[in-house]
Amino acid sequence: MGAFIIRPDSTRAEAIDLVADPGGSTHLTALRNALDCRFVDRVTLESDTVDAWLDDEYLYSQAEPNELGTNVLRAYGVDFGDGMLLGSVIFAGHDGAGRMRSLTEREQAVLRNAVRQARVM
């Protein structure tokens, strides 16, 4: 399943492939591995078709600040107040019924545009 990740030290969104868990019903193991964490949080974005996935334990994991990821999430309507995202963020599509899916070409283009805009914030 095609998704994008923005790591704390990155200047771009990197394409990644999330492989479904045995049985094919979830991608939880792939999310945990990509985010290097035990627990994940899903943030539903204003786009209604894209979710952001974050490390739920970022405060305890001593994760690095992710300025680009913070600014991209702000472009999608997420309010951090004065705070900043710590650790990586994964963007993946969803089918409206709770199942993850690959990002469409349009969603990828919107995300790339949000990354370009976030770099100049």
Foldseek 3Di string as FASTA:
>chain_A
DWKWKQWQPDLATHIDDQDADVVRQASVVSLCVVQVEDDKDWADFPVNWKIKIHHPCQVPVVAAFRQLVQQLRVVRPDDPDPDTGGGMMMMFTDDNPPYTDHDDPVRVVVSRVSSVVSSVD
